[in-house]
Amino acid sequence: NSKNLISELKNFVALGGSYKAKLGEKDDLVMAALLATRMGQFISGFDDKIYEKFAEKFEAEAQVPLPIFVLR
């Protein structure tokens, strides 16, 4: 739902052995999304039910959580 993130993803390219935004563009939202995804993946290695724990916490606080991605 983020137009800014989608825009940054369109300008995120492989340059040499790394990935970054095209010259003159930004990639801070892409990098933040990558870090959040990697943290979720790392944390899930400690507890298989991490998504349920996050969901319970947000439900108890009556807040709508942001999407949580747990990759295996």
PDB file of N, CA and C in Angstrom:
ATOM      1  N   ASN A   1       0.803  -1.200   0.000  1.00  0.00           N
ATOM      2  CA  ASN A   1       0.000   0.000   0.000  1.00  0.00           C
ATOM      3  C   ASN A   1       0.846   1.264   0.000  1.00  0.00           C
ATOM      4  N   SER A   2       2.169   1.116   0.022  1.00  0.00           N
ATOM      5  CA  SER A   2       3.041   2.283   0.077  1.00  0.00           C
ATOM      6  C   SER A   2       3.535   2.646  -1.321  1.00  0.00           C
ATOM      7  N   LYS A   3       3.051   3.773  -1.821  1.00  0.00           N
ATOM      8  CA  LYS A   3       3.501   4.230  -3.147  1.00  0.00           C
ATOM      9  C   LYS A   3       4.987   4.559  -3.126  1.00  0.00           C
ATOM     10  N   ASN A   4       5.459   5.074  -1.993  1.00  0.00           N
ATOM     11  CA  ASN A   4       6.878   5.414  -1.887  1.00  0.00           C
ATOM     12  C   ASN A   4       7.751   4.160  -1.948  1.00  0.00           C
ATOM     13  N   LEU A   5       7.357   3.111  -1.240  1.00  0.00           N
ATOM     14  CA  LEU A   5       8.127   1.868  -1.269  1.00  0.00           C
ATOM     15  C   LEU A   5       8.109   1.256  -2.665  1.00  0.00           C
ATOM     16  N   ILE A   6       6.956   1.240  -3.308  1.00  0.00           N
ATOM     17  CA  ILE A   6       6.861   0.686  -4.661  1.00  0.00           C
ATOM     18  C   ILE A   6       7.764   1.472  -5.612  1.00  0.00           C
ATOM     19  N   SER A   7       7.777   2.772  -5.476  1.00  0.00           N
ATOM     20  CA  SER A   7       8.630   3.604  -6.318  1.00  0.00           C
ATOM     21  C   SER A   7      10.105   3.269  -6.098  1.00  0.00           C
ATOM     22  N   GLU A   8      10.497   3.106  -4.833  1.00  0.00           N
ATOM     23  CA  GLU A   8      11.888   2.762  -4.536  1.00  0.00           C
ATOM     24  C   GLU A   8      12.237   1.370  -5.037  1.00  0.00           C
ATOM     25  N   LEU A   9      11.314   0.434  -4.950  1.00  0.00           N
ATOM     26  CA  LEU A   9      11.570  -0.914  -5.454  1.00  0.00           C
ATOM     27  C   LEU A   9      11.821  -0.906  -6.959  1.00  0.00           C
ATOM     28  N   LYS A  10      11.136  -0.035  -7.678  1.00  0.00           N
ATOM     29  CA  LYS A  10      11.322   0.055  -9.130  1.00  0.00           C
ATOM     30  C   LYS A  10      12.700   0.596  -9.494  1.00  0.00           C
ATOM     31  N   ASN A  11      13.328   1.330  -8.573  1.00  0.00           N
ATOM     32  CA  ASN A  11      14.649   1.909  -8.821  1.00  0.00           C
ATOM     33  C   ASN A  11      15.765   1.178  -8.082  1.00  0.00           C
ATOM     34  N   PHE A  12      15.475   0.020  -7.531  1.00  0.00           N
ATOM     35  CA  PHE A  12      16.438  -0.777  -6.774  1.00  0.00           C
ATOM     36  C   PHE A  12      17.050  -1.798  -7.730  1.00  0.00           C
ATOM     37  N   VAL A  13      18.352  -1.705  -7.954  1.00  0.00           N
ATOM     38  CA  VAL A  13      19.001  -2.515  -8.988  1.00  0.00           C
ATOM     39  C   VAL A  13      20.278  -3.161  -8.462  1.00  0.00           C
ATOM     40  N   ALA A  14      20.729  -4.185  -9.179  1.00  0.00           N
ATOM     41  CA  ALA A  14      22.012  -4.825  -8.888  1.00  0.00           C
ATOM     42  C   ALA A  14      23.107  -4.003  -9.554  1.00  0.00           C
ATOM     43  N   LEU A  15      24.086  -3.622  -8.790  1.00  0.00           N
ATOM     44  CA  LEU A  15      25.242  -2.904  -9.316  1.00  0.00           C
ATOM     45  C   LEU A  15      26.499  -3.601  -8.813  1.00  0.00           C
ATOM     46  N   GLY A  16      27.183  -4.285  -9.717  1.00  0.00           N
ATOM     47  CA  GLY A  16      28.356  -5.047  -9.304  1.00  0.00           C
ATOM     48  C   GLY A  16      27.928  -6.212  -8.443  1.00  0.00           C
ATOM     49  N   GLY A  17      28.525  -6.324  -7.270  1.00  0.00           N
ATOM     50  CA  GLY A  17      28.196  -7.425  -6.362  1.00  0.00           C
ATOM     51  C   GLY A  17      27.207  -7.047  -5.283  1.00  0.00           C
ATOM     52  N   SER A  18      26.557  -5.892  -5.421  1.00  0.00           N
ATOM     53  CA  SER A  18      25.606  -5.462  -4.390  1.00  0.00           C
ATOM     54  C   SER A  18      24.341  -4.929  -5.041  1.00  0.00           C
ATOM     55  N   TYR A  19      23.434  -4.498  -4.204  1.00  0.00           N
ATOM     56  CA  TYR A  19      22.163  -3.938  -4.655  1.00  0.00           C
ATOM     57  C   TYR A  19      21.999  -2.559  -4.037  1.00  0.00           C
ATOM     58  N   LYS A  20      21.504  -1.630  -4.819  1.00  0.00           N
ATOM     59  CA  LYS A  20      21.238  -0.288  -4.296  1.00  0.00           C
ATOM     60  C   LYS A  20      20.355   0.462  -5.283  1.00  0.00           C
ATOM     61  N   ALA A  21      19.973   1.660  -4.890  1.00  0.00           N
ATOM     62  CA  ALA A  21      19.127   2.494  -5.749  1.00  0.00           C
ATOM     63  C   ALA A  21      19.953   3.021  -6.917  1.00  0.00           C
ATOM     64  N   LYS A  22      19.256   3.296  -8.003  1.00  0.00           N
ATOM     65  CA  LYS A  22      19.907   3.935  -9.143  1.00  0.00           C
ATOM     66  C   LYS A  22      20.461   5.293  -8.698  1.00  0.00           C
ATOM     67  N   LEU A  23      21.427   5.779  -9.422  1.00  0.00           N
ATOM     68  CA  LEU A  23      22.038   7.058  -9.115  1.00  0.00           C
ATOM     69  C   LEU A  23      20.972   8.151  -9.049  1.00  0.00           C
ATOM     70  N   GLY A  24      20.968   8.897  -7.965  1.00  0.00           N
ATOM     71  CA  GLY A  24      20.006   9.978  -7.777  1.00  0.00           C
ATOM     72  C   GLY A  24      18.706   9.561  -7.117  1.00  0.00           C
ATOM     73  N   GLU A  25      18.543   8.271  -6.835  1.00  0.00           N
ATOM     74  CA  GLU A  25      17.329   7.760  -6.187  1.00  0.00           C
ATOM     75  C   GLU A  25      17.640   7.351  -4.751  1.00  0.00           C
ATOM     76  N   LYS A  26      16.596   7.042  -3.982  1.00  0.00           N
ATOM     77  CA  LYS A  26      16.754   6.618  -2.582  1.00  0.00           C
ATOM     78  C   LYS A  26      16.385   5.139  -2.441  1.00  0.00           C
ATOM     79  N   ASP A  27      16.915   4.492  -1.407  1.00  0.00           N
ATOM     80  CA  ASP A  27      16.574   3.091  -1.156  1.00  0.00           C
ATOM     81  C   ASP A  27      16.348   2.813   0.330  1.00  0.00           C
ATOM     82  N   ASP A  28      16.105   3.857   1.122  1.00  0.00           N
ATOM     83  CA  ASP A  28      15.959   3.679   2.564  1.00  0.00           C
ATOM     84  C   ASP A  28      14.753   2.820   2.935  1.00  0.00           C
ATOM     85  N   LEU A  29      13.644   2.950   2.239  1.00  0.00           N
ATOM     86  CA  LEU A  29      12.465   2.138   2.552  1.00  0.00           C
ATOM     87  C   LEU A  29      12.685   0.677   2.159  1.00  0.00           C
ATOM     88  N   VAL A  30      13.374   0.456   1.050  1.00  0.00           N
ATOM     89  CA  VAL A  30      13.678  -0.915   0.622  1.00  0.00           C
ATOM     90  C   VAL A  30      14.583  -1.577   1.650  1.00  0.00           C
ATOM     91  N   MET A  31      15.607  -0.878   2.080  1.00  0.00           N
ATOM     92  CA  MET A  31      16.538  -1.437   3.063  1.00  0.00           C
ATOM     93  C   MET A  31      15.834  -1.713   4.396  1.00  0.00           C
ATOM     94  N   ALA A  32      14.945  -0.822   4.805  1.00  0.00           N
ATOM     95  CA  ALA A  32      14.200  -1.038   6.046  1.00  0.00           C
ATOM     96  C   ALA A  32      13.314  -2.274   5.934  1.00  0.00           C
ATOM     97  N   ALA A  33      12.664  -2.455   4.777  1.00  0.00           N
ATOM     98  CA  ALA A  33      11.827  -3.637   4.564  1.00  0.00           C
ATOM     99  C   ALA A  33      12.664  -4.905   4.574  1.00  0.00           C
ATOM    100  N   LEU A  34      13.848  -4.848   3.961  1.00  0.00           N
ATOM    101  CA  LEU A  34      14.742  -6.010   3.958  1.00  0.00           C
ATOM    102  C   LEU A  34      15.210  -6.353   5.375  1.00  0.00           C
ATOM    103  N   LEU A  35      15.557  -5.330   6.146  1.00  0.00           N
ATOM    104  CA  LEU A  35      15.993  -5.576   7.528  1.00  0.00           C
ATOM    105  C   LEU A  35      14.877  -6.170   8.372  1.00  0.00           C
ATOM    106  N   ALA A  36      13.678  -5.640   8.240  1.00  0.00           N
ATOM    107  CA  ALA A  36      12.541  -6.162   9.004  1.00  0.00           C
ATOM    108  C   ALA A  36      12.248  -7.609   8.621  1.00  0.00           C
ATOM    109  N   THR A  37      12.329  -7.915   7.331  1.00  0.00           N
ATOM    110  CA  THR A  37      12.095  -9.285   6.870  1.00  0.00           C
ATOM    111  C   THR A  37      13.158 -10.219   7.412  1.00  0.00           C
ATOM    112  N   ARG A  38      14.411  -9.785   7.359  1.00  0.00           N
ATOM    113  CA  ARG A  38      15.514 -10.624   7.854  1.00  0.00           C
ATOM    114  C   ARG A  38      15.410 -10.824   9.356  1.00  0.00           C
ATOM    115  N   MET A  39      15.018  -9.789  10.097  1.00  0.00           N
ATOM    116  CA  MET A  39      14.863  -9.938  11.547  1.00  0.00           C
ATOM    117  C   MET A  39      13.765 -10.942  11.868  1.00  0.00           C
ATOM    118  N   GLY A  40      12.654 -10.868  11.145  1.00  0.00           N
ATOM    119  CA  GLY A  40      11.578 -11.835  11.349  1.00  0.00           C
ATOM    120  C   GLY A  40      12.037 -13.248  11.055  1.00  0.00           C
ATOM    121  N   GLN A  41      12.816 -13.416  10.006  1.00  0.00           N
ATOM    122  CA  GLN A  41      13.344 -14.731   9.646  1.00  0.00           C
ATOM    123  C   GLN A  41      14.278 -15.237  10.744  1.00  0.00           C
ATOM    124  N   PHE A  42      15.142 -14.382  11.251  1.00  0.00           N
ATOM    125  CA  PHE A  42      16.087 -14.768  12.288  1.00  0.00           C
ATOM    126  C   PHE A  42      15.372 -15.130  13.591  1.00  0.00           C
ATOM    127  N   ILE A  43      14.409 -14.306  13.986  1.00  0.00           N
ATOM    128  CA  ILE A  43      13.669 -14.541  15.226  1.00  0.00           C
ATOM    129  C   ILE A  43      12.871 -15.837  15.149  1.00  0.00           C
ATOM    130  N   SER A  44      12.323 -16.153  13.977  1.00  0.00           N
ATOM    131  CA  SER A  44      11.525 -17.374  13.848  1.00  0.00           C
ATOM    132  C   SER A  44      12.354 -18.625  14.086  1.00  0.00           C
ATOM    133  N   GLY A  45      13.674 -18.513  13.958  1.00  0.00           N
ATOM    134  CA  GLY A  45      14.543 -19.647  14.257  1.00  0.00           C
ATOM    135  C   GLY A  45      14.553 -20.003  15.734  1.00  0.00           C
ATOM    136  N   PHE A  46      14.179 -19.068  16.584  1.00  0.00           N
ATOM    137  CA  PHE A  46      14.148 -19.303  18.021  1.00  0.00           C
ATOM    138  C   PHE A  46      12.805 -19.842  18.487  1.00  0.00           C
ATOM    139  N   ASP A  47      11.745 -19.470  17.793  1.00  0.00           N
ATOM    140  CA  ASP A  47      10.408 -19.872  18.224  1.00  0.00           C
ATOM    141  C   ASP A  47       9.515 -20.027  17.003  1.00  0.00           C
ATOM    142  N   ASP A  48       9.022 -21.228  16.759  1.00  0.00           N
ATOM    143  CA  ASP A  48       8.185 -21.490  15.591  1.00  0.00           C
ATOM    144  C   ASP A  48       6.851 -20.749  15.628  1.00  0.00           C
ATOM    145  N   LYS A  49       6.423 -20.317  16.794  1.00  0.00           N
ATOM    146  CA  LYS A  49       5.113 -19.681  16.922  1.00  0.00           C
ATOM    147  C   LYS A  49       5.229 -18.170  17.081  1.00  0.00           C
ATOM    148  N   ILE A  50       6.281 -17.595  16.505  1.00  0.00           N
ATOM    149  CA  ILE A  50       6.518 -16.160  16.691  1.00  0.00           C
ATOM    150  C   ILE A  50       5.384 -15.320  16.125  1.00  0.00           C
ATOM    151  N   TYR A  51       4.832 -15.699  14.973  1.00  0.00           N
ATOM    152  CA  TYR A  51       3.742 -14.910  14.387  1.00  0.00           C
ATOM    153  C   TYR A  51       2.550 -14.869  15.323  1.00  0.00           C
ATOM    154  N   GLU A  52       2.198 -16.017  15.922  1.00  0.00           N
ATOM    155  CA  GLU A  52       1.060 -16.049  16.834  1.00  0.00           C
ATOM    156  C   GLU A  52       1.297 -15.151  18.043  1.00  0.00           C
ATOM    157  N   LYS A  53       2.532 -15.130  18.535  1.00  0.00           N
ATOM    158  CA  LYS A  53       2.838 -14.275  19.688  1.00  0.00           C
ATOM    159  C   LYS A  53       2.697 -12.801  19.337  1.00  0.00           C
ATOM    160  N   PHE A  54       3.180 -12.408  18.164  1.00  0.00           N
ATOM    161  CA  PHE A  54       3.017 -11.029  17.731  1.00  0.00           C
ATOM    162  C   PHE A  54       1.534 -10.696  17.570  1.00  0.00           C
ATOM    163  N   ALA A  55       0.783 -11.584  16.945  1.00  0.00           N
ATOM    164  CA  ALA A  55      -0.639 -11.346  16.703  1.00  0.00           C
ATOM    165  C   ALA A  55      -1.388 -11.191  18.026  1.00  0.00           C
ATOM    166  N   GLU A  56      -1.082 -12.038  19.014  1.00  0.00           N
ATOM    167  CA  GLU A  56      -1.734 -11.953  20.323  1.00  0.00           C
ATOM    168  C   GLU A  56      -1.451 -10.609  20.984  1.00  0.00           C
ATOM    169  N   LYS A  57      -0.200 -10.150  20.894  1.00  0.00           N
ATOM    170  CA  LYS A  57       0.168  -8.876  21.511  1.00  0.00           C
ATOM    171  C   LYS A  57      -0.618  -7.725  20.890  1.00  0.00           C
ATOM    172  N   PHE A  58      -0.671  -7.681  19.575  1.00  0.00           N
ATOM    173  CA  PHE A  58      -1.386  -6.588  18.917  1.00  0.00           C
ATOM    174  C   PHE A  58      -2.887  -6.693  19.137  1.00  0.00           C
ATOM    175  N   GLU A  59      -3.409  -7.895  19.197  1.00  0.00           N
ATOM    176  CA  GLU A  59      -4.842  -8.088  19.422  1.00  0.00           C
ATOM    177  C   GLU A  59      -5.222  -7.593  20.817  1.00  0.00           C
ATOM    178  N   ALA A  60      -4.364  -7.887  21.788  1.00  0.00           N
ATOM    179  CA  ALA A  60      -4.632  -7.466  23.163  1.00  0.00           C
ATOM    180  C   ALA A  60      -4.604  -5.945  23.292  1.00  0.00           C
ATOM    181  N   GLU A  61      -3.802  -5.291  22.469  1.00  0.00           N
ATOM    182  CA  GLU A  61      -3.702  -3.839  22.522  1.00  0.00           C
ATOM    183  C   GLU A  61      -4.707  -3.164  21.592  1.00  0.00           C
ATOM    184  N   ALA A  62      -5.528  -3.965  20.916  1.00  0.00           N
ATOM    185  CA  ALA A  62      -6.566  -3.469  20.009  1.00  0.00           C
ATOM    186  C   ALA A  62      -5.986  -2.592  18.904  1.00  0.00           C
ATOM    187  N   GLN A  63      -4.824  -3.000  18.391  1.00  0.00           N
ATOM    188  CA  GLN A  63      -4.196  -2.296  17.283  1.00  0.00           C
ATOM    189  C   GLN A  63      -4.125  -3.238  16.092  1.00  0.00           C
ATOM    190  N   VAL A  64      -4.155  -2.668  14.924  1.00  0.00           N
ATOM    191  CA  VAL A  64      -4.001  -3.478  13.724  1.00  0.00           C
ATOM    192  C   VAL A  64      -2.507  -3.541  13.416  1.00  0.00           C
ATOM    193  N   PRO A  65      -1.924  -4.739  13.410  1.00  0.00           N
ATOM    194  CA  PRO A  65      -0.477  -4.836  13.185  1.00  0.00           C
ATOM    195  C   PRO A  65      -0.127  -4.634  11.718  1.00  0.00           C
ATOM    196  N   LEU A  66       1.097  -4.214  11.491  1.00  0.00           N
ATOM    197  CA  LEU A  66       1.625  -4.181  10.141  1.00  0.00           C
ATOM    198  C   LEU A  66       1.847  -5.616   9.696  1.00  0.00           C
ATOM    199  N   PRO A  67       1.937  -5.864   8.414  1.00  0.00           N
ATOM    200  CA  PRO A  67       2.194  -7.236   7.959  1.00  0.00           C
ATOM    201  C   PRO A  67       3.497  -7.771   8.541  1.00  0.00           C
ATOM    202  N   ILE A  68       3.469  -8.996   8.972  1.00  0.00           N
ATOM    203  CA  ILE A  68       4.654  -9.653   9.517  1.00  0.00           C
ATOM    204  C   ILE A  68       5.024 -10.781   8.587  1.00  0.00           C
ATOM    205  N   PHE A  69       6.233 -10.742   8.082  1.00  0.00           N
ATOM    206  CA  PHE A  69       6.695 -11.778   7.164  1.00  0.00           C
ATOM    207  C   PHE A  69       7.680 -12.661   7.898  1.00  0.00           C
ATOM    208  N   VAL A  70       7.383 -13.937   7.993  1.00  0.00           N
ATOM    209  CA  VAL A  70       8.297 -14.895   8.592  1.00  0.00           C
ATOM    210  C   VAL A  70       8.620 -15.926   7.520  1.00  0.00           C
ATOM    211  N   LEU A  71       9.856 -15.858   7.050  1.00  0.00           N
ATOM    212  CA  LEU A  71      10.297 -16.756   5.996  1.00  0.00           C
ATOM    213  C   LEU A  71      11.001 -17.955   6.596  1.00  0.00           C
ATOM    214  N   ARG A  72      10.808 -19.094   5.983  1.00  0.00           N
ATOM    215  CA  ARG A  72      11.499 -20.299   6.451  1.00  0.00           C
ATOM    216  C   ARG A  72      12.245 -20.909   5.326  1.00  0.00           C
TER     217      ARG A  72
END
